[in-house]
N, C-alpha and C. Protein backbone atom coordinates (compact mmCIF):
# COMPACT_ATOMS: atom_id res chain seq x y z
N MET A 1 48.43 13.28 -110.47
CA MET A 1 48.19 13.32 -111.90
C MET A 1 49.41 12.75 -112.60
N PRO A 2 49.22 11.88 -113.58
CA PRO A 2 50.36 11.30 -114.28
C PRO A 2 51.11 12.34 -115.08
N GLU A 3 52.38 12.10 -115.27
CA GLU A 3 53.21 12.99 -116.07
C GLU A 3 52.78 12.92 -117.53
N LEU A 4 52.76 14.07 -118.19
CA LEU A 4 52.50 14.09 -119.62
C LEU A 4 53.77 13.70 -120.36
N ASN A 5 53.62 13.21 -121.55
CA ASN A 5 54.75 12.81 -122.37
C ASN A 5 55.64 14.02 -122.63
N PRO A 6 56.91 14.00 -122.20
CA PRO A 6 57.77 15.17 -122.37
C PRO A 6 58.14 15.44 -123.83
N THR A 7 57.90 14.48 -124.72
CA THR A 7 58.22 14.71 -126.13
C THR A 7 57.12 15.47 -126.85
N LEU A 8 55.98 15.64 -126.20
CA LEU A 8 54.90 16.42 -126.81
C LEU A 8 55.16 17.90 -126.63
N LYS A 9 54.78 18.67 -127.62
CA LYS A 9 54.88 20.13 -127.52
C LYS A 9 53.83 20.63 -126.55
N SER A 10 54.01 21.84 -126.06
CA SER A 10 53.06 22.43 -125.10
C SER A 10 51.64 22.45 -125.65
N VAL A 11 51.51 22.80 -126.92
CA VAL A 11 50.19 22.85 -127.54
C VAL A 11 49.56 21.47 -127.57
N GLU A 12 50.35 20.46 -127.85
CA GLU A 12 49.85 19.09 -127.88
C GLU A 12 49.44 18.63 -126.48
N GLN A 13 50.22 19.01 -125.48
CA GLN A 13 49.88 18.66 -124.10
C GLN A 13 48.56 19.32 -123.70
N ALA A 14 48.38 20.58 -124.08
CA ALA A 14 47.13 21.28 -123.77
C ALA A 14 45.95 20.59 -124.45
N ALA A 15 46.14 20.14 -125.68
CA ALA A 15 45.07 19.45 -126.40
C ALA A 15 44.68 18.16 -125.69
N VAL A 16 45.67 17.43 -125.19
CA VAL A 16 45.40 16.18 -124.48
C VAL A 16 44.59 16.46 -123.22
N VAL A 17 44.97 17.49 -122.49
CA VAL A 17 44.25 17.84 -121.26
C VAL A 17 42.81 18.22 -121.57
N LEU A 18 42.61 19.05 -122.59
CA LEU A 18 41.25 19.46 -122.96
C LEU A 18 40.41 18.26 -123.39
N MET A 19 41.00 17.34 -124.12
CA MET A 19 40.27 16.14 -124.54
C MET A 19 39.90 15.29 -123.34
N ALA A 20 40.80 15.21 -122.37
CA ALA A 20 40.55 14.41 -121.18
C ALA A 20 39.44 15.01 -120.32
N LEU A 21 39.31 16.33 -120.35
CA LEU A 21 38.28 17.01 -119.56
C LEU A 21 36.88 16.77 -120.09
N GLY A 22 36.79 16.53 -121.37
CA GLY A 22 35.47 16.36 -121.98
C GLY A 22 35.00 17.66 -122.62
N GLU A 23 34.04 17.52 -123.49
CA GLU A 23 33.59 18.64 -124.31
C GLU A 23 33.06 19.83 -123.51
N SER A 24 32.21 19.58 -122.54
CA SER A 24 31.60 20.70 -121.81
C SER A 24 32.61 21.44 -120.93
N HIS A 25 33.49 20.71 -120.26
CA HIS A 25 34.50 21.36 -119.42
C HIS A 25 35.52 22.10 -120.28
N ALA A 26 35.93 21.49 -121.38
CA ALA A 26 36.89 22.13 -122.28
C ALA A 26 36.28 23.41 -122.86
N ALA A 27 35.01 23.36 -123.23
CA ALA A 27 34.34 24.55 -123.77
C ALA A 27 34.31 25.67 -122.74
N GLU A 28 34.11 25.32 -121.49
CA GLU A 28 34.08 26.33 -120.42
C GLU A 28 35.45 27.01 -120.29
N ILE A 29 36.50 26.26 -120.43
CA ILE A 29 37.86 26.82 -120.36
C ILE A 29 38.12 27.69 -121.59
N LEU A 30 37.83 27.17 -122.77
CA LEU A 30 38.10 27.89 -124.01
C LEU A 30 37.29 29.18 -124.10
N ARG A 31 36.16 29.23 -123.46
CA ARG A 31 35.31 30.42 -123.46
C ARG A 31 36.04 31.62 -122.83
N HIS A 32 37.00 31.36 -121.96
CA HIS A 32 37.71 32.43 -121.27
C HIS A 32 38.96 32.91 -122.02
N LEU A 33 39.29 32.27 -123.12
CA LEU A 33 40.48 32.65 -123.88
C LEU A 33 40.11 33.62 -124.99
N ASP A 34 41.05 34.51 -125.31
CA ASP A 34 40.80 35.39 -126.44
C ASP A 34 41.40 34.76 -127.71
N PRO A 35 41.09 35.28 -128.88
CA PRO A 35 41.53 34.66 -130.13
C PRO A 35 43.04 34.47 -130.24
N ARG A 36 43.82 35.37 -129.65
CA ARG A 36 45.29 35.23 -129.70
C ARG A 36 45.75 33.99 -128.94
N GLU A 37 45.03 33.62 -127.90
CA GLU A 37 45.43 32.48 -127.08
C GLU A 37 45.02 31.14 -127.69
N LEU A 38 44.11 31.18 -128.63
CA LEU A 38 43.67 29.95 -129.27
C LEU A 38 44.63 29.63 -130.38
């Protein structure tokens, strides 16, 4: 897996990964998080 841009914040890196996964896979991951984690 390529390295993520180190200048991006953790939240931004997570957003890039979720976007790369696609809507259905990202939704499956987000479904397991509670409101504090979002």
